[in-house]
Amino acid sequence: MSWIHNNLILPLAEPERHWGLGRRLRELERFDKLPESEQRAESSAKVMRLLTHAYDTVPYYRQVFDEAGFHPSEWTQGQNIPIPLTSRDTLRVQQDQMVSRRYRAEQLQSASTGGTTNTPVRLWRDIEGLRQKIALQYHLNRTAGYDQGDPTLLIWGAQRDLEMNPSWKRKFYDEQLMHHFTAPAGQISDLIFQRFRDRLNERQPKVMFGYGVTMARFAQYLESNHLSHHNPKVIIVTAEAITAPEREYIERVFQCRVTDQYGSRDVGMVAMNCEHHTGMHFHPAGCLTEFVHHGTAPDGGAIHRLIITDLMNYGMPLIRYDTGDCVLLDDVQCPCGRWYPRVKTVLGRALDTFILADGTEIPGLAMANQLLLLTHSFRYIIQLQVIQKDYDKVQVRYVTSGSNEETERELAQVSTALQRAFKVAIRCTMVKVQDIPRAASGKLRLCISEVPRPGQTITPEVTEAPQVASAV
């Protein structure tokens, strides 16, 4: 069935995203079977092509390369690209100058950066790059044992990725042809988890895919209530970093090994656990990685910033892109033998769960996506951090580049979005700060809860930022 889905159903149903999918998957399989020397050579050739394309067709990179005294022809395998980092602020300020002049507007697809650490910024992808990114994600899925067409329970909280009121045609396509069944995780409670269990037992999916922390809470609900349930054969967690105890909980309850994937809306899915689960490998067909030392973790380990050069997007190249995430490296060779760059742990995008008075929980990532729908259009607020102080009290820290009047209009929209996400009346205090720094762990945190679950004590890991002014 997977051959039919990858070569017929998906390319015919969604040609813009999936045309040539079967061929692209075979190319990735071919790459993985090559000797290391040939893989490195092909990856280096991709880097050289991207750098040359960026220099020839992207005004921003032409200027940056020239200012650095660097020409793409000078780059060699293993060398860092000697230009400044590209940040989300770079995308925001230089957006028009970062789009390749090789493409007309109708040849590009709009996307946006993630919103878990800063407000999102629009970016553009060429169609070929989009198809390659989708193929790489499916290839990583297949490595974990999940192929298109496999019955899958999708535990997800990003409303923009889920069609809340699908037409009968879309529902038929998703459920009858693709065998995808959704379990929306915008809020979680015993009632929501009961619905998860009903869907899990009714559909008996081979795969469970989605928010890792929410899966851990779901497993806890099943075990604490001694509820029987179907066990999937493949579990893939993404979007939320999970702790070792959370992983062990999921694996014990569902009797299935958990596979981590790493990706973002900025660069796509680019890394995952191998069969030994000793860390995550970054696939060299999709990206060139760089790790910049950033500090020391509380346990003494070195924290590194994750820098990625996207090798698949020619519409708006991202070269030495600061993902906003921090990682811990592992110097020990992976037992799988792959040379692909590997990290022990991804520390970034840590998002707490918000707790309501009745025990209902709102996953931090779901909250982040609520804000993401809103802040895409913001011009003045450039950073946000939401801290739950009590069941009905939230503090919003923000960094702005605009006047009070301009900023207050955007803050009013933030307040409305938070009220909508909580679905109960809350008191929202706005605090203007100069910067929102990383916590001691190196994490950039958008959603922080200082409200413990019943029986739990929280010691919040909040790095205080200098407060400049406040408005209620």
Protein backbone atom coordinates (compact mmCIF):
# COMPACT_ATOMS: atom_id res chain seq x y z
CA MET A 1 0.00 0.00 0.00
CA SER A 2 2.81 2.44 0.75
CA TRP A 3 4.03 2.31 -2.88
CA ILE A 4 0.54 3.26 -4.06
CA HIS A 5 0.36 6.18 -1.63
CA ASN A 6 3.83 7.53 -2.44
CA ASN A 7 3.66 7.08 -6.19
CA LEU A 8 -0.02 7.53 -7.03
CA ILE A 9 -2.41 8.78 -4.34
CA LEU A 10 -0.33 11.64 -2.91
CA PRO A 11 1.12 12.93 -6.23
CA LEU A 12 -2.33 12.94 -7.85
CA ALA A 13 -4.25 14.32 -4.85
CA GLU A 14 -1.75 17.09 -3.97
CA PRO A 15 0.63 17.52 -6.92
CA GLU A 16 2.05 20.84 -5.73
CA ARG A 17 3.41 19.19 -2.58
CA HIS A 18 3.97 15.60 -3.70
CA TRP A 19 4.71 15.45 -7.42
CA GLY A 20 7.63 13.10 -7.94
CA LEU A 21 7.46 11.88 -4.33
CA GLY A 22 8.32 8.26 -5.12
CA ARG A 23 11.41 9.31 -7.08
CA ARG A 24 12.57 11.64 -4.32
CA LEU A 25 12.19 8.92 -1.69
CA ARG A 26 14.24 6.52 -3.82
CA GLU A 27 16.95 9.18 -4.18
CA LEU A 28 17.16 9.59 -0.39
CA GLU A 29 17.37 5.83 0.04
CA ARG A 30 20.16 5.74 -2.52
CA PHE A 31 22.02 8.48 -0.65
CA ASP A 32 21.80 6.62 2.67
CA LYS A 33 23.38 3.52 1.10
CA LEU A 34 26.41 5.34 -0.34
CA PRO A 35 29.88 5.11 1.24
CA GLU A 36 30.65 7.99 3.60
CA SER A 37 33.10 9.62 1.19
CA GLU A 38 30.47 9.80 -1.56
CA GLN A 39 27.82 11.10 0.84
CA ARG A 40 30.15 13.88 1.99
CA ALA A 41 31.01 14.74 -1.60
CA GLU A 42 27.35 14.98 -2.62
CA SER A 43 26.49 17.04 0.45
CA SER A 44 29.38 19.42 -0.25
CA ALA A 45 28.25 19.81 -3.84
CA LYS A 46 24.80 20.80 -2.58
CA VAL A 47 26.35 23.41 -0.29
CA MET A 48 28.38 24.84 -3.16
CA ARG A 49 25.32 25.02 -5.44
CA LEU A 50 23.28 26.80 -2.77
CA LEU A 51 26.03 29.33 -2.01
CA THR A 52 26.53 30.08 -5.70
CA HIS A 53 22.78 30.46 -6.23
CA ALA A 54 22.49 32.79 -3.22
CA TYR A 55 25.42 34.94 -4.40
CA ASP A 56 24.11 35.17 -7.97
CA THR A 57 20.40 35.74 -7.29
CA VAL A 58 19.85 37.06 -3.73
CA PRO A 59 20.76 40.74 -3.17
CA TYR A 60 21.20 40.36 0.58
CA TYR A 61 23.70 37.50 0.31
CA ARG A 62 25.59 39.16 -2.53
CA GLN A 63 26.20 42.14 -0.23
CA VAL A 64 27.01 40.02 2.85
CA PHE A 65 29.42 37.78 0.94
CA ASP A 66 31.19 40.77 -0.58
CA GLU A 67 31.47 42.52 2.78
CA ALA A 68 32.99 39.37 4.27
CA GLY A 69 35.45 39.10 1.37
CA PHE A 70 34.11 35.62 0.60
CA HIS A 71 33.15 34.04 -2.72
CA PRO A 72 31.28 30.69 -2.94
CA SER A 73 34.05 29.22 -5.07
CA GLU A 74 36.37 29.53 -2.06
CA TRP A 75 34.30 27.26 0.19
CA THR A 76 35.68 23.79 0.88
CA GLN A 77 34.25 20.73 2.60
CA GLY A 78 34.44 20.98 6.39
CA GLN A 79 34.89 24.77 6.37
CA ASN A 80 32.44 27.04 8.17
CA ILE A 81 30.81 29.61 5.91
CA PRO A 82 32.54 32.89 6.89
CA ILE A 83 29.54 35.23 7.01
CA PRO A 84 27.48 36.56 9.95
CA LEU A 85 24.61 34.49 11.33
CA THR A 86 21.17 34.91 9.80
CA SER A 87 18.54 35.55 12.47
CA ARG A 88 14.80 36.02 12.46
CA ASP A 89 15.47 39.73 12.85
CA THR A 90 17.51 39.51 9.64
CA LEU A 91 14.51 37.94 7.91
CA ARG A 92 12.21 40.61 9.29
CA VAL A 93 14.37 43.57 8.26
CA GLN A 94 15.85 42.23 5.01
CA GLN A 95 12.93 40.12 3.82
CA ASP A 96 12.51 41.59 0.34
CA GLN A 97 16.27 41.48 -0.27
CA MET A 98 16.48 37.81 0.77
CA VAL A 99 14.13 36.42 -1.88
CA SER A 100 15.86 34.93 -4.91
CA ARG A 101 15.40 36.97 -8.07
CA ARG A 102 15.32 33.73 -10.05
CA TYR A 103 11.69 33.12 -9.08
CA ARG A 104 8.48 34.96 -9.86
CA ALA A 105 6.00 35.46 -7.02
CA GLU A 106 3.68 32.73 -8.32
CA GLN A 107 6.57 30.24 -8.19
CA LEU A 108 6.99 30.63 -4.43
CA GLN A 109 5.04 29.24 -1.47
CA SER A 110 4.50 31.36 1.62
CA ALA A 111 5.47 29.95 5.02
CA SER A 112 6.48 31.43 8.34
CA THR A 113 9.06 30.89 11.02
CA GLY A 114 8.04 29.21 14.26
CA GLY A 115 6.63 31.35 17.03
CA THR A 116 7.83 29.65 20.21
CA THR A 117 10.62 32.11 20.95
CA ASN A 118 9.88 35.23 18.91
CA THR A 119 7.03 36.52 16.82
CA PRO A 120 6.95 34.70 13.47
CA VAL A 121 8.32 36.09 10.23
CA ARG A 122 7.13 35.29 6.73
CA LEU A 123 9.47 33.32 4.50
CA TRP A 124 9.21 31.89 1.00
CA ARG A 125 10.01 28.50 -0.52
CA ASP A 126 10.32 27.41 -4.12
CA ILE A 127 8.04 24.51 -5.09
CA GLU A 128 10.90 22.10 -5.76
CA GLY A 129 12.38 22.85 -2.33
CA LEU A 130 8.99 22.31 -0.69
CA ARG A 131 8.65 18.90 -2.36
CA GLN A 132 12.15 17.92 -1.29
CA LYS A 133 11.42 18.90 2.33
CA ILE A 134 8.25 16.83 2.40
CA ALA A 135 10.09 13.86 0.90
CA LEU A 136 12.82 14.15 3.55
CA GLN A 137 10.24 14.16 6.32
CA TYR A 138 8.57 11.06 4.88
CA HIS A 139 11.99 9.44 4.51
CA LEU A 140 12.73 10.06 8.19
CA ASN A 141 9.29 8.69 9.06
CA ARG A 142 10.01 5.54 7.06
CA THR A 143 13.31 5.08 8.87
CA ALA A 144 11.27 4.98 12.10
CA GLY A 145 8.83 2.45 10.62
CA TYR A 146 6.06 4.84 9.55
CA ASP A 147 5.08 5.05 5.89
CA GLN A 148 2.34 6.99 4.17
CA GLY A 149 -0.92 5.10 4.33
CA ASP A 150 -0.17 3.52 7.72
CA PRO A 151 -3.05 4.06 10.18
CA THR A 152 -1.92 7.01 12.30
CA LEU A 153 -3.29 8.84 15.33
CA LEU A 154 -2.08 12.45 15.11
CA ILE A 155 -1.91 14.16 18.52
CA TRP A 156 -1.51 17.79 17.54
CA GLY A 157 -2.36 21.22 18.85
CA ALA A 158 -1.49 23.59 16.01
CA GLN A 159 -4.87 24.61 14.64
CA ARG A 160 -3.41 25.87 11.38
CA ASP A 161 -2.21 22.30 10.68
CA LEU A 162 -5.61 20.77 11.42
CA GLU A 163 -8.77 21.44 9.49
CA MET A 164 -11.33 21.91 12.26
CA ASN A 165 -14.41 21.52 10.04
CA PRO A 166 -13.25 19.49 7.04
CA SER A 167 -15.45 18.91 4.04
CA TRP A 168 -16.60 15.35 3.38
CA LYS A 169 -14.03 15.15 0.56
CA ARG A 170 -11.19 16.17 2.86
CA LYS A 171 -12.38 13.82 5.58
CA PHE A 172 -12.59 10.95 3.08
CA TYR A 173 -9.08 11.72 1.84
CA ASP A 174 -7.57 11.96 5.33
CA GLU A 175 -9.31 9.05 6.96
CA GLN A 176 -10.19 6.61 4.18
CA LEU A 177 -7.24 7.08 1.81
CA MET A 178 -4.44 8.26 4.13
CA HIS A 179 -5.74 6.59 7.32
CA HIS A 180 -4.92 9.69 9.40
CA PHE A 181 -7.05 10.31 12.47
CA THR A 182 -6.61 13.46 14.54
CA ALA A 183 -6.73 13.95 18.29
CA PRO A 184 -6.66 17.77 18.73
CA ALA A 185 -4.55 18.71 21.75
CA GLY A 186 -5.27 22.41 22.16
CA GLN A 187 -6.41 21.68 25.70
CA ILE A 188 -5.93 18.49 27.71
CA SER A 189 -8.03 17.14 30.55
CA ASP A 190 -9.45 13.80 31.64
CA LEU A 191 -12.37 14.33 29.25
CA ILE A 192 -9.99 15.03 26.34
CA PHE A 193 -7.84 12.02 27.24
CA GLN A 194 -10.95 9.83 27.31
CA ARG A 195 -11.63 10.94 23.74
CA PHE A 196 -8.00 10.15 22.85
CA ARG A 197 -8.44 6.64 24.31
CA ASP A 198 -11.72 6.10 22.45
CA ARG A 199 -10.09 7.11 19.17
CA LEU A 200 -7.00 5.00 19.90
CA ASN A 201 -9.05 1.88 20.65
CA GLU A 202 -11.52 2.45 17.83
CA ARG A 203 -8.95 3.05 15.07
CA GLN A 204 -6.11 0.87 16.48
CA PRO A 205 -3.43 2.83 14.58
CA LYS A 206 -0.02 1.44 13.79
CA VAL A 207 1.52 4.88 14.48
CA MET A 208 1.04 7.55 17.13
CA PHE A 209 2.63 10.85 16.08
CA GLY A 210 2.75 14.27 17.69
CA TYR A 211 3.34 16.31 20.84
CA GLY A 212 5.67 14.42 23.18
CA VAL A 213 4.68 16.03 26.50
CA THR A 214 1.00 15.55 25.73
CA MET A 215 1.64 11.87 24.96
CA ALA A 216 3.39 11.50 28.32
CA ARG A 217 0.39 13.03 30.11
CA PHE A 218 -1.93 10.74 28.11
CA ALA A 219 0.12 7.72 29.18
CA GLN A 220 -0.07 8.88 32.80
CA TYR A 221 -3.86 9.17 32.52
CA LEU A 222 -4.20 5.63 31.14
CA GLU A 223 -1.94 4.10 33.77
CA SER A 224 -3.30 5.94 36.78
CA ASN A 225 -6.86 5.00 35.84
CA HIS A 226 -5.94 1.37 34.95
CA LEU A 227 -7.51 1.71 31.51
CA SER A 228 -7.03 -0.85 28.75
CA HIS A 229 -5.84 0.55 25.44
CA HIS A 230 -4.44 -0.29 22.05
CA ASN A 231 -0.63 -0.17 21.75
CA PRO A 232 0.79 1.32 18.54
CA LYS A 233 3.86 -0.21 16.94
CA VAL A 234 5.53 3.14 16.18
CA ILE A 235 5.58 6.30 18.32
CA ILE A 236 7.19 9.47 16.96
CA VAL A 237 7.38 12.59 19.11
CA THR A 238 8.17 16.02 17.77
CA ALA A 239 7.49 19.73 18.43
CA GLU A 240 8.03 19.36 22.20
CA ALA A 241 11.28 18.21 23.79
CA ILE A 242 10.60 15.43 26.32
CA THR A 243 12.61 14.42 29.35
CA ALA A 244 14.08 10.96 29.92
CA PRO A 245 11.40 10.12 32.55
CA GLU A 246 8.65 11.21 30.14
CA ARG A 247 10.13 9.00 27.43
CA GLU A 248 10.32 6.04 29.80
CA TYR A 249 6.70 6.62 30.85
CA ILE A 250 5.45 6.58 27.25
CA GLU A 251 7.48 3.50 26.40
CA ARG A 252 6.34 1.59 29.48
CA VAL A 253 2.63 2.35 29.08
CA PHE A 254 2.44 1.78 25.33
CA GLN A 255 5.13 -0.95 25.21
CA CYS A 256 6.72 0.76 22.22
CA ARG A 257 10.03 2.51 21.62
CA VAL A 258 9.78 6.29 21.21
CA THR A 259 11.51 8.00 18.27
CA ASP A 260 12.40 11.71 18.46
CA GLN A 261 12.32 13.97 15.42
CA TYR A 262 13.64 17.51 15.17
CA GLY A 263 12.42 20.14 12.79
CA SER A 264 10.89 23.58 12.61
CA ARG A 265 8.64 25.62 10.38
CA ASP A 266 11.76 27.51 9.32
CA VAL A 267 13.83 24.61 7.93
CA GLY A 268 11.49 21.61 7.94
CA MET A 269 12.08 18.19 9.51
CA VAL A 270 15.81 17.51 9.35
CA ALA A 271 16.83 15.15 12.19
CA MET A 272 15.72 12.07 14.10
CA ASN A 273 16.85 9.18 16.27
CA CYS A 274 18.53 6.27 14.57
CA GLU A 275 17.71 2.70 15.59
CA HIS A 276 19.97 2.99 18.65
CA HIS A 277 18.16 6.05 20.09
CA THR A 278 21.38 7.59 21.42
CA GLY A 279 20.70 11.05 20.04
CA MET A 280 19.42 12.72 16.88
CA HIS A 281 21.22 12.69 13.53
CA PHE A 282 20.87 15.67 11.16
CA HIS A 283 20.43 14.41 7.62
CA PRO A 284 23.10 15.93 5.33
CA ALA A 285 20.78 15.85 2.33
CA GLY A 286 18.66 18.49 4.02
CA CYS A 287 21.03 20.74 5.91
CA LEU A 288 24.54 21.74 6.85
CA THR A 289 24.84 22.06 10.64
CA GLU A 290 27.12 24.17 12.80
CA PHE A 291 27.33 24.22 16.59
CA VAL A 292 28.42 27.48 18.20
CA HIS A 293 29.48 27.32 21.85
CA HIS A 294 27.00 29.23 23.99
CA GLY A 295 27.78 28.41 27.62
CA THR A 296 27.75 25.69 30.24
CA ALA A 297 24.75 23.68 31.43
CA PRO A 298 24.09 23.23 35.17
CA ASP A 299 25.54 19.70 34.99
CA GLY A 300 28.77 21.03 33.46
CA GLY A 301 28.08 20.06 29.86
CA ALA A 302 28.70 22.52 27.04
CA ILE A 303 25.66 24.21 25.50
CA HIS A 304 25.82 24.99 21.77
CA ARG A 305 23.61 27.11 19.54
CA LEU A 306 22.21 25.12 16.63
CA ILE A 307 23.02 26.85 13.32
CA ILE A 308 21.58 25.41 10.10
CA THR A 309 22.14 26.11 6.42
CA ASP A 310 19.03 24.90 4.62
CA LEU A 311 20.12 23.01 1.49
CA MET A 312 16.62 22.65 0.01
CA ASN A 313 15.14 26.14 -0.09
CA TYR A 314 16.33 28.17 -3.08
CA GLY A 315 13.40 30.59 -3.03
CA MET A 316 14.63 32.32 0.13
CA PRO A 317 17.93 30.72 1.15
CA LEU A 318 18.70 30.43 4.86
CA ILE A 319 22.48 30.35 5.26
CA ARG A 320 23.98 30.04 8.76
CA TYR A 321 20.49 30.40 10.18
CA ASP A 322 20.23 30.68 13.97
CA THR A 323 17.39 28.31 14.84
CA GLY A 324 17.02 29.78 18.33
CA ASP A 325 17.57 26.31 19.80
CA CYS A 326 20.39 25.10 22.01
CA VAL A 327 21.73 21.55 22.04
CA LEU A 328 24.02 19.28 23.99
CA LEU A 329 26.57 17.38 21.90
CA ASP A 330 27.88 13.84 22.34
CA ASP A 331 31.49 13.14 21.37
CA VAL A 332 30.99 9.36 21.45
CA GLN A 333 30.59 7.68 18.06
CA CYS A 334 27.03 6.46 17.52
CA PRO A 335 26.76 2.63 17.38
CA CYS A 336 24.91 2.93 14.06
CA GLY A 337 28.15 4.06 12.39
CA ARG A 338 26.61 7.04 10.58
CA TRP A 339 28.79 10.11 10.29
CA TYR A 340 25.74 12.41 10.14
CA PRO A 341 26.02 15.25 12.70
CA ARG A 342 24.44 14.17 15.99
CA VAL A 343 23.22 15.87 19.15
CA LYS A 344 22.53 14.24 22.48
CA THR A 345 19.66 16.55 23.45
CA VAL A 346 17.79 19.53 22.03
CA LEU A 347 17.22 22.05 24.83
CA GLY A 348 15.29 24.70 22.94
CA ARG A 349 11.58 25.33 22.58
CA ALA A 350 10.77 24.25 26.12
CA LEU A 351 7.15 25.16 26.80
CA ASP A 352 5.31 24.60 30.07
CA THR A 353 1.76 23.37 30.36
CA PHE A 354 -0.75 25.92 31.66
CA ILE A 355 -3.14 24.72 34.40
CA LEU A 356 -6.73 25.91 34.84
CA ALA A 357 -8.67 25.91 38.11
CA ASP A 358 -10.74 22.86 37.11
CA GLY A 359 -7.61 20.82 36.30
CA THR A 360 -7.79 21.32 32.54
CA GLU A 361 -4.35 21.76 30.95
CA ILE A 362 -3.29 23.80 27.94
CA PRO A 363 -0.06 22.54 26.31
CA GLY A 364 2.43 25.35 25.92
CA LEU A 365 2.94 24.53 22.25
CA ALA A 366 -0.79 24.80 21.59
CA MET A 367 -0.74 28.20 23.28
CA ALA A 368 2.26 29.21 21.18
CA ASN A 369 0.40 28.29 18.02
CA GLN A 370 -2.61 30.35 19.09
CA LEU A 371 -0.29 33.33 19.38
CA LEU A 372 1.45 32.40 16.13
CA LEU A 373 -1.81 32.80 14.22
CA LEU A 374 -1.97 36.32 15.54
CA THR A 375 1.57 37.65 15.67
CA HIS A 376 2.41 36.86 12.06
CA SER A 377 1.13 40.33 11.18
CA PHE A 378 2.84 42.19 14.05
CA ARG A 379 5.16 45.03 13.10
CA TYR A 380 6.33 46.30 16.48
CA ILE A 381 6.34 43.49 19.07
CA ILE A 382 9.44 41.43 18.32
CA GLN A 383 9.57 39.11 21.35
CA LEU A 384 6.98 37.63 23.70
CA GLN A 385 7.01 35.52 26.84
CA VAL A 386 3.82 34.38 28.57
CA ILE A 387 4.05 33.47 32.28
CA GLN A 388 1.11 31.99 34.16
CA LYS A 389 1.19 33.41 37.72
CA ASP A 390 -2.07 31.91 38.98
CA TYR A 391 -5.01 29.97 37.57
CA ASP A 392 -6.56 33.20 36.31
CA LYS A 393 -3.51 35.47 36.12
CA VAL A 394 -1.05 35.78 33.24
CA GLN A 395 1.92 38.08 32.76
CA VAL A 396 3.07 38.89 29.22
CA ARG A 397 6.62 40.14 28.80
CA TYR A 398 7.32 41.82 25.52
CA VAL A 399 10.04 43.59 23.57
CA THR A 400 8.89 46.26 21.16
CA SER A 401 10.38 48.60 18.57
CA GLY A 402 7.31 50.82 18.33
CA SER A 403 5.69 53.66 20.25
CA ASN A 404 3.30 53.03 23.15
CA GLU A 405 0.24 53.64 21.00
CA GLU A 406 1.44 51.33 18.22
CA THR A 407 2.44 48.61 20.67
CA GLU A 408 -0.77 48.78 22.70
CA ARG A 409 -2.84 47.92 19.63
CA GLU A 410 -0.85 44.71 19.20
CA LEU A 411 -0.92 43.95 22.94
CA ALA A 412 -4.70 44.17 22.89
CA GLN A 413 -4.72 41.42 20.28
CA VAL A 414 -2.40 39.29 22.45
CA SER A 415 -4.78 39.68 25.40
CA THR A 416 -7.73 38.65 23.26
CA ALA A 417 -5.85 35.60 21.97
CA LEU A 418 -4.97 34.50 25.51
CA GLN A 419 -8.57 34.85 26.66
CA ARG A 420 -9.63 32.75 23.68
CA ALA A 421 -7.05 30.06 24.42
CA PHE A 422 -7.89 29.83 28.15
CA LYS A 423 -11.66 29.89 27.48
CA VAL A 424 -12.12 31.38 30.96
CA ALA A 425 -11.74 34.94 32.25
CA ILE A 426 -8.11 35.78 33.06
CA ARG A 427 -6.26 38.85 34.30
CA CYS A 428 -3.54 39.77 31.84
CA THR A 429 -0.66 42.08 32.85
CA MET A 430 1.68 43.44 30.18
CA VAL A 431 5.31 44.14 31.12
CA LYS A 432 7.71 45.85 28.73
CA VAL A 433 11.31 44.58 28.97
CA GLN A 434 14.56 45.32 27.17
CA ASP A 435 15.23 41.68 26.32
CA ILE A 436 13.96 38.17 27.05
CA PRO A 437 17.11 36.20 27.85
CA ARG A 438 17.67 32.47 27.94
CA ALA A 439 17.13 30.54 31.15
CA ALA A 440 20.04 28.85 32.96
CA SER A 441 19.57 25.72 30.87
CA GLY A 442 20.12 27.70 27.66
CA LYS A 443 16.46 27.41 26.68
CA LEU A 444 14.40 30.14 25.11
CA ARG A 445 10.99 29.80 26.70
CA LEU A 446 7.80 31.37 25.40
CA CYS A 447 5.30 29.72 27.76
CA ILE A 448 6.11 29.36 31.46
CA SER A 449 3.75 28.20 34.18
CA GLU A 450 4.40 28.93 37.83
CA VAL A 451 1.18 27.14 38.80
CA PRO A 452 1.76 23.56 39.98
CA ARG A 453 -0.49 20.63 39.25
CA PRO A 454 -2.18 19.23 42.35
CA GLY A 455 0.48 17.56 44.49
CA GLN A 456 3.34 19.11 42.48
CA THR A 457 5.78 21.80 43.51
CA ILE A 458 7.29 23.96 40.78
CA THR A 459 10.59 25.76 41.06
CA PRO A 460 10.31 28.05 38.05
CA GLU A 461 13.37 28.46 35.86
CA VAL A 462 12.81 32.08 34.91
CA THR A 463 15.61 34.47 34.07
CA GLU A 464 14.54 37.94 35.09
CA ALA A 465 14.74 40.54 32.36
CA PRO A 466 15.21 44.22 33.14
CA GLN A 467 11.76 45.85 33.20
CA VAL A 468 11.48 49.18 31.48
CA ALA A 469 7.80 50.01 31.77
CA SER A 470 4.54 48.24 32.36
CA ALA A 471 0.99 48.61 31.19
CA VAL A 472 -2.15 46.83 32.33
